[in-house]
Protein backbone atom coordinates (compact mmCIF):
# COMPACT_ATOMS: atom_id res chain seq x y z
CA MET A 1 26.74 6.85 -5.41
CA PRO A 2 26.59 4.10 -6.89
CA GLN A 3 25.14 2.93 -10.61
CA SER A 4 21.97 0.35 -10.46
CA SER A 5 23.10 -3.05 -13.14
CA VAL A 6 19.75 -1.79 -15.69
CA PRO A 7 21.51 1.05 -17.54
CA LYS A 8 21.94 4.36 -16.79
CA ASN A 9 20.47 5.70 -19.73
CA GLY A 10 18.11 3.04 -20.71
CA PRO A 11 14.21 2.12 -19.95
CA ARG A 12 13.12 2.22 -17.29
CA GLU A 13 9.53 -0.27 -16.12
CA THR A 14 6.48 1.29 -13.56
CA LEU A 15 4.39 0.05 -12.04
CA PRO A 16 0.47 1.11 -13.83
CA ALA A 17 -0.89 4.04 -12.11
CA GLY A 18 -4.52 3.57 -10.30
CA VAL A 19 -5.41 1.70 -6.62
CA TRP A 20 -2.98 -1.12 -5.45
CA GLY A 21 -5.26 -2.20 -2.37
CA VAL A 22 -3.03 -3.35 0.66
CA VAL A 23 -3.76 -6.34 2.11
CA ALA A 24 -4.87 -6.34 5.55
CA THR A 25 -3.62 -10.18 6.77
CA PRO A 26 -7.23 -12.23 8.96
CA PHE A 27 -5.99 -13.62 12.30
CA GLN A 28 -8.57 -15.79 13.70
CA GLY A 29 -9.96 -16.21 17.42
CA SER A 30 -7.97 -16.00 20.83
CA THR A 31 -4.72 -17.83 18.74
CA LEU A 32 -4.94 -15.44 16.44
CA ASP A 33 -3.47 -17.95 13.39
CA VAL A 34 -3.77 -16.77 10.16
CA ASP A 35 -6.95 -16.78 8.59
CA LEU A 36 -6.49 -17.95 5.58
CA ASP A 37 -10.01 -18.62 4.59
CA SER A 38 -11.04 -14.78 4.84
CA LEU A 39 -7.90 -13.51 3.45
CA ALA A 40 -8.40 -15.52 0.34
CA GLY A 41 -11.98 -13.62 0.49
CA LEU A 42 -10.74 -10.12 0.84
CA VAL A 43 -7.89 -11.03 -2.41
CA GLU A 44 -10.91 -12.13 -5.04
CA HIS A 45 -13.21 -8.72 -4.05
CA TYR A 46 -10.42 -6.60 -4.84
CA GLU A 47 -10.18 -8.13 -8.00
CA ALA A 48 -13.56 -7.92 -8.22
CA ILE A 49 -14.23 -4.00 -7.52
CA GLY A 50 -10.81 -3.69 -9.82
CA ALA A 51 -7.70 -2.94 -8.25
CA THR A 52 -5.15 -2.26 -10.23
CA GLY A 53 -2.80 -4.33 -8.44
CA LEU A 54 -2.03 -5.52 -4.45
CA THR A 55 0.76 -5.05 -2.33
CA VAL A 56 1.31 -7.61 0.11
CA LEU A 57 3.38 -8.58 3.53
CA GLY A 58 3.28 -4.18 4.31
CA VAL A 59 3.49 -2.69 7.58
CA PHE A 60 -0.68 -2.66 7.55
CA GLY A 61 -0.62 -6.50 6.48
CA GLU A 62 1.41 -6.57 9.80
CA ALA A 63 4.26 -8.81 8.10
CA ALA A 64 7.08 -8.24 11.07
CA ALA A 65 4.72 -10.03 13.60
CA LEU A 66 4.33 -12.90 11.23
CA THR A 67 6.68 -16.48 10.90
CA VAL A 68 8.74 -16.96 7.74
CA ASP A 69 6.35 -20.00 7.05
CA GLU A 70 3.38 -17.65 8.17
CA ARG A 71 4.78 -15.67 5.49
CA ARG A 72 5.30 -18.02 2.98
CA GLN A 73 1.46 -19.20 3.67
CA VAL A 74 0.41 -15.93 2.55
CA LEU A 75 1.87 -15.18 -0.64
CA GLU A 76 1.43 -18.76 -1.55
CA THR A 77 -2.49 -17.72 -0.66
CA VAL A 78 -3.08 -14.49 -2.28
CA VAL A 79 -1.54 -16.08 -5.61
CA GLU A 80 -4.28 -19.22 -5.58
CA CYS A 81 -7.19 -16.01 -5.36
CA THR A 82 -6.37 -13.95 -8.03
CA GLY A 83 -4.52 -13.02 -11.09
CA LEU A 84 -3.47 -9.25 -9.84
CA PRO A 85 -0.24 -7.58 -10.26
CA LEU A 86 1.57 -8.27 -6.32
CA VAL A 87 4.15 -5.94 -4.80
CA VAL A 88 5.73 -8.21 -1.50
CA GLY A 89 6.95 -5.71 1.21
CA ILE A 90 10.17 -6.91 3.32
CA THR A 91 10.10 -6.08 6.94
CA ALA A 92 14.82 -6.14 6.57
CA LEU A 93 16.25 -2.21 6.74
CA ALA A 94 19.53 -4.46 6.43
CA THR A 95 20.64 -5.41 2.83
CA ARG A 96 21.56 -8.49 3.70
CA PRO A 97 18.53 -9.68 5.37
CA ALA A 98 16.35 -7.81 2.75
CA ILE A 99 17.89 -9.74 0.06
CA GLU A 100 16.76 -13.47 1.28
CA GLU A 101 12.85 -12.01 1.85
CA VAL A 102 13.32 -10.94 -1.66
CA ARG A 103 14.35 -14.19 -3.05
CA ALA A 104 11.58 -15.74 -0.73
CA ALA A 105 8.85 -13.74 -1.93
CA GLN A 106 9.99 -13.96 -5.22
CA GLU A 107 9.60 -18.02 -5.29
CA ALA A 108 6.60 -17.82 -3.41
CA ALA A 109 4.59 -14.95 -5.47
CA GLY A 110 6.03 -16.22 -9.44
CA THR A 111 5.36 -14.90 -11.97
CA ARG A 112 2.60 -12.27 -10.33
CA PHE A 113 5.43 -10.69 -8.25
CA ALA A 114 5.69 -7.30 -9.72
CA GLY A 115 7.88 -5.59 -7.72
CA VAL A 116 9.38 -5.70 -4.03
CA MET A 117 8.85 -2.55 -1.53
CA VAL A 118 11.37 -1.74 0.68
CA GLN A 119 11.58 1.24 3.15
CA ALA A 120 14.17 4.04 3.03
CA ASN A 121 16.66 2.60 5.47
CA SER A 122 18.88 6.40 5.79
CA ALA A 123 18.67 9.28 5.02
CA SER A 124 21.63 9.49 2.78
CA ALA A 125 20.71 9.62 -0.51
CA ASP A 126 23.85 7.71 -0.96
CA THR A 127 23.52 5.05 1.07
CA VAL A 128 19.83 4.37 0.35
CA ALA A 129 20.66 3.94 -3.11
CA ALA A 130 23.39 1.72 -2.37
CA HIS A 131 20.89 -0.59 -0.29
CA LEU A 132 18.65 -0.47 -3.78
CA ASP A 133 21.01 -1.33 -6.42
CA ALA A 134 22.48 -4.11 -3.69
CA ILE A 135 18.77 -5.48 -3.67
CA HIS A 136 18.49 -5.11 -7.55
CA ARG A 137 21.65 -6.84 -8.20
CA ALA A 138 21.49 -10.00 -5.99
CA THR A 139 17.44 -10.07 -7.06
CA GLY A 140 16.68 -8.12 -10.21
CA ALA A 141 13.71 -7.31 -8.21
CA GLY A 142 12.27 -4.27 -9.55
CA ILE A 143 11.56 -1.67 -6.75
CA LEU A 144 9.09 0.07 -5.02
CA LEU A 145 10.75 2.91 -2.67
CA GLN A 146 8.76 3.58 0.42
CA ASP A 147 8.83 6.72 2.78
CA TYR A 148 7.25 5.77 5.80
CA PRO A 149 9.16 7.12 8.65
CA LEU A 150 6.91 6.13 11.37
CA ALA A 151 7.58 2.73 10.48
CA SER A 152 11.10 2.86 9.70
CA GLY A 153 11.65 5.07 11.86
CA VAL A 154 14.07 7.05 9.40
CA ALA A 155 13.23 10.30 8.23
CA ILE A 156 14.09 11.42 4.83
CA ALA A 157 13.78 14.85 2.89
CA ALA A 158 12.11 14.26 -0.65
CA LYS A 159 14.96 15.81 -2.66
CA SER A 160 17.19 13.06 -1.64
CA LEU A 161 14.75 11.07 -2.24
CA ALA A 162 14.95 12.03 -5.71
CA ALA A 163 18.05 12.28 -5.64
CA VAL A 164 17.87 7.90 -4.86
CA VAL A 165 15.11 7.71 -7.72
CA SER A 166 17.53 9.19 -10.78
CA ALA A 167 20.29 7.14 -8.89
CA CYS A 168 19.27 3.56 -9.46
CA ASN A 169 16.72 2.38 -12.77
CA CYS A 170 15.51 -0.64 -10.44
CA VAL A 171 13.12 1.75 -9.02
CA VAL A 172 9.42 1.40 -10.33
CA ALA A 173 7.63 3.72 -8.08
CA VAL A 174 7.93 5.80 -4.14
CA LYS A 175 5.27 5.14 -2.09
CA ALA A 176 5.18 8.40 0.05
CA GLU A 177 3.99 8.43 2.83
CA ALA A 178 5.83 10.92 5.02
CA PRO A 179 3.66 14.24 5.45
CA PRO A 180 2.68 16.97 4.37
CA THR A 181 2.56 13.69 1.31
CA SER A 182 1.59 16.58 -1.18
CA VAL A 183 5.01 18.27 -0.42
CA ALA A 184 7.03 14.99 -1.89
CA ILE A 185 5.19 14.31 -3.87
CA ALA A 186 5.74 17.26 -5.96
CA GLU A 187 8.77 16.98 -5.63
CA LEU A 188 9.36 13.06 -6.20
CA ALA A 189 5.93 13.68 -9.36
CA ALA A 190 8.81 15.33 -11.23
CA ALA A 191 11.76 12.51 -11.19
CA GLY A 192 10.13 10.18 -13.89
CA VAL A 193 8.69 7.32 -11.76
CA PRO A 194 5.29 7.01 -9.88
CA VAL A 195 4.12 8.05 -6.92
CA PHE A 196 1.36 6.89 -4.73
CA GLY A 197 -0.26 7.62 -1.86
CA GLY A 198 -0.68 6.58 1.36
CA LEU A 199 -2.04 6.68 5.27
CA GLY A 200 -5.79 5.42 4.10
CA GLY A 201 -6.65 7.96 1.57
CA GLN A 202 -6.45 10.78 3.82
CA GLY A 203 -4.61 13.12 1.73
CA LEU A 204 -5.57 11.49 -2.06
CA LEU A 205 -7.35 14.33 -3.63
CA ASP A 206 -3.95 16.75 -2.94
CA GLU A 207 -1.51 13.65 -3.56
CA LEU A 208 -3.44 13.88 -7.46
CA LEU A 209 -3.54 17.33 -7.57
CA ALA A 210 0.30 17.09 -6.87
CA GLY A 211 0.97 14.65 -9.43
CA ALA A 212 0.48 11.06 -7.70
CA ALA A 213 -0.06 8.24 -10.05
CA GLY A 214 -3.06 7.04 -7.47
CA ALA A 215 -2.93 5.18 -4.03
CA MET A 216 -1.74 2.47 -2.37
CA THR A 217 -3.52 1.78 0.95
CA GLY A 218 -5.93 -0.60 3.01
CA PHE A 219 -9.00 1.09 3.50
CA SER A 220 -11.86 -0.95 4.56
CA TYR A 221 -14.24 1.03 1.40
CA PRO A 222 -11.42 0.59 -1.82
CA GLU A 223 -13.49 1.01 -3.80
CA ALA A 224 -14.00 5.01 -3.19
CA LEU A 225 -11.01 4.65 -3.55
CA ILE A 226 -10.65 2.99 -7.18
CA ALA A 227 -13.99 5.40 -8.14
CA CYS A 228 -12.02 8.61 -6.77
CA VAL A 229 -8.86 7.83 -8.96
CA HIS A 230 -11.15 6.42 -12.15
CA ALA A 231 -12.66 9.96 -11.79
CA TRP A 232 -9.72 11.72 -11.67
CA GLN A 233 -8.29 10.31 -14.62
CA GLN A 234 -11.46 10.75 -16.96
CA GLY A 235 -12.77 14.17 -15.42
CA GLY A 236 -10.12 15.61 -12.90
CA TYR A 237 -10.19 17.47 -9.51
CA GLU A 238 -14.34 17.70 -9.40
CA ALA A 239 -15.00 14.52 -10.37
CA ALA A 240 -12.53 12.92 -8.08
CA GLN A 241 -14.03 14.93 -5.39
CA ARG A 242 -18.21 13.92 -5.47
CA GLU A 243 -16.35 10.51 -5.46
CA LEU A 244 -13.96 10.80 -2.04
CA LEU A 245 -16.27 12.96 -0.34
CA PRO A 246 -18.85 10.52 1.53
CA TYR A 247 -16.02 8.55 2.17
CA LEU A 248 -13.89 10.59 3.97
CA PRO A 249 -15.46 11.11 7.71
CA LEU A 250 -14.67 7.26 7.45
CA ILE A 251 -11.20 7.55 6.36
CA ASN A 252 -10.28 10.26 9.19
CA PHE A 253 -11.54 8.21 10.92
CA GLU A 254 -10.10 4.72 10.84
CA GLN A 255 -6.62 7.12 9.91
CA GLN A 256 -6.45 8.04 14.18
CA ALA A 257 -2.79 7.39 15.54
CA ARG A 258 -1.81 3.59 17.52
CA VAL A 259 -4.87 2.37 16.80
CA ALA A 260 -5.48 2.83 12.47
CA LEU A 261 -5.22 -0.87 11.73
CA ALA A 262 -7.36 -2.64 14.69
CA ILE A 263 -9.91 0.25 13.52
CA ARG A 264 -9.56 -0.71 9.92
CA LYS A 265 -9.21 -4.54 10.39
CA GLU A 266 -13.29 -3.83 13.11
CA CYS A 267 -14.56 -2.04 10.01
CA LEU A 268 -13.75 -4.95 7.40
CA ARG A 269 -15.34 -7.13 9.57
CA GLU A 270 -18.23 -5.55 10.16
CA ARG A 271 -18.28 -5.25 6.79
CA GLY A 272 -18.56 -8.70 6.43
CA LEU A 273 -14.94 -9.48 4.24
CA VAL A 274 -12.94 -11.05 7.08
CA LYS A 275 -13.88 -13.08 9.89
CA ASP A 276 -12.34 -11.61 12.98
CA ALA A 277 -10.48 -8.44 13.49
CA GLY A 278 -7.65 -9.30 15.83
CA VAL A 279 -3.58 -7.69 15.87
CA ARG A 280 -0.86 -9.83 17.21
CA ALA A 281 1.17 -7.59 19.75
CA PRO A 282 2.69 -5.35 19.60
CA ALA A 283 -0.49 -3.69 17.58
CA ALA A 284 -3.01 -1.55 19.92
CA GLY A 285 -6.29 -3.44 20.02
CA PHE A 286 -9.66 -2.07 19.19
CA PRO A 287 -11.57 0.91 21.85
CA GLU A 288 -14.47 -0.39 22.54
CA ASN A 289 -15.65 3.57 22.73
CA LEU A 290 -15.02 4.36 19.45
CA ARG A 291 -18.10 1.42 18.67
CA ALA A 292 -20.81 4.35 18.06
CA ALA A 293 -19.08 6.53 16.37
CA MET A 294 -17.71 3.77 13.98
CA LYS A 295 -21.00 2.59 12.92
CA THR A 296 -21.80 6.05 12.41
CA HIS A 297 -18.89 6.50 9.66
CA LEU A 298 -19.73 2.93 8.25
CA ALA A 299 -23.28 3.51 7.92
CA GLU A 300 -22.93 6.64 5.98
CA ALA A 301 -19.78 4.37 3.81
CA ALA A 302 -21.71 2.12 2.73
CA ALA A 303 -24.96 5.01 1.77
CA ALA A 304 -22.74 6.10 -0.81
CA LEU A 305 -21.87 2.90 -2.11
CA ASP A 306 -25.15 1.95 -2.65
CA ASN A 307 -26.41 5.20 -4.33
CA ALA A 308 -23.14 5.45 -6.36
CA GLN A 309 -23.88 5.76 -9.99
CA THR A 310 -22.47 2.90 -12.80
CA PRO A 311 -18.95 3.41 -13.90
CA GLU A 312 -19.95 3.99 -16.99
CA ARG A 313 -21.59 7.42 -16.21
CA SER A 314 -19.82 10.40 -17.73
CA PHE A 315 -17.78 12.55 -16.16
């Protein structure tokens, strides 16, 4: 297995624990042009509510549906609107185009660049490690290794991911999105890097129990995820459960297969966090026959947020 350019016995840099918001890319009107104004407002909201950092151009950010120029515009807008650290997603599974994407992201994000999110591109630990090592050698970037077979089409065992982490000191964190996530997180948490759950926070409580460092995901009420993780850090499971429980119906509703992206963007629109909720093909649009249910769950979440106690409370 290849060795990282960072000495094997040297210090490993890691991402801080907490909630990293996965930023949606808003589009406008029938043209579905990128809505940079809505993007700016969404990013500012994440910073205002206490996100640890932001993940930009991920799967939920519809990066694969953006042109090279649009990706640059999105990154430049995010950099202008927040002081938070940024993890930038890349879409390529092959090494050479991945390196080019990373270099473009580094140029656009500048000093705000905290790492690059790279999907596992093979079931073989040796192949993934060689891929990450080549990216790191070419760019110097710290790498968040994402295990998301629904998007990548690649299934890799948790033991193999742990072997990659052990071999590559350039890995600064792992994002575990292959169900059952808590099983994988328990395996990976012992590998010495922060592991973040995704999938809209659907398994967050069990992921924290398994050793997760927090969440890195999109949800229309990210305040709930932040409160949950903060409560876990201060008061453990019962405190975290109290924070998240009122939002679980909406979390579950948003995570419906094939329409999750459209539902979440419609929820963000209903909250006033983006102007329009359009998605680009081949993503499916919002099913209108779910609107009543969405309104019900949004009302539940809004009431929970209104009733939330102040952050200074004792856990």
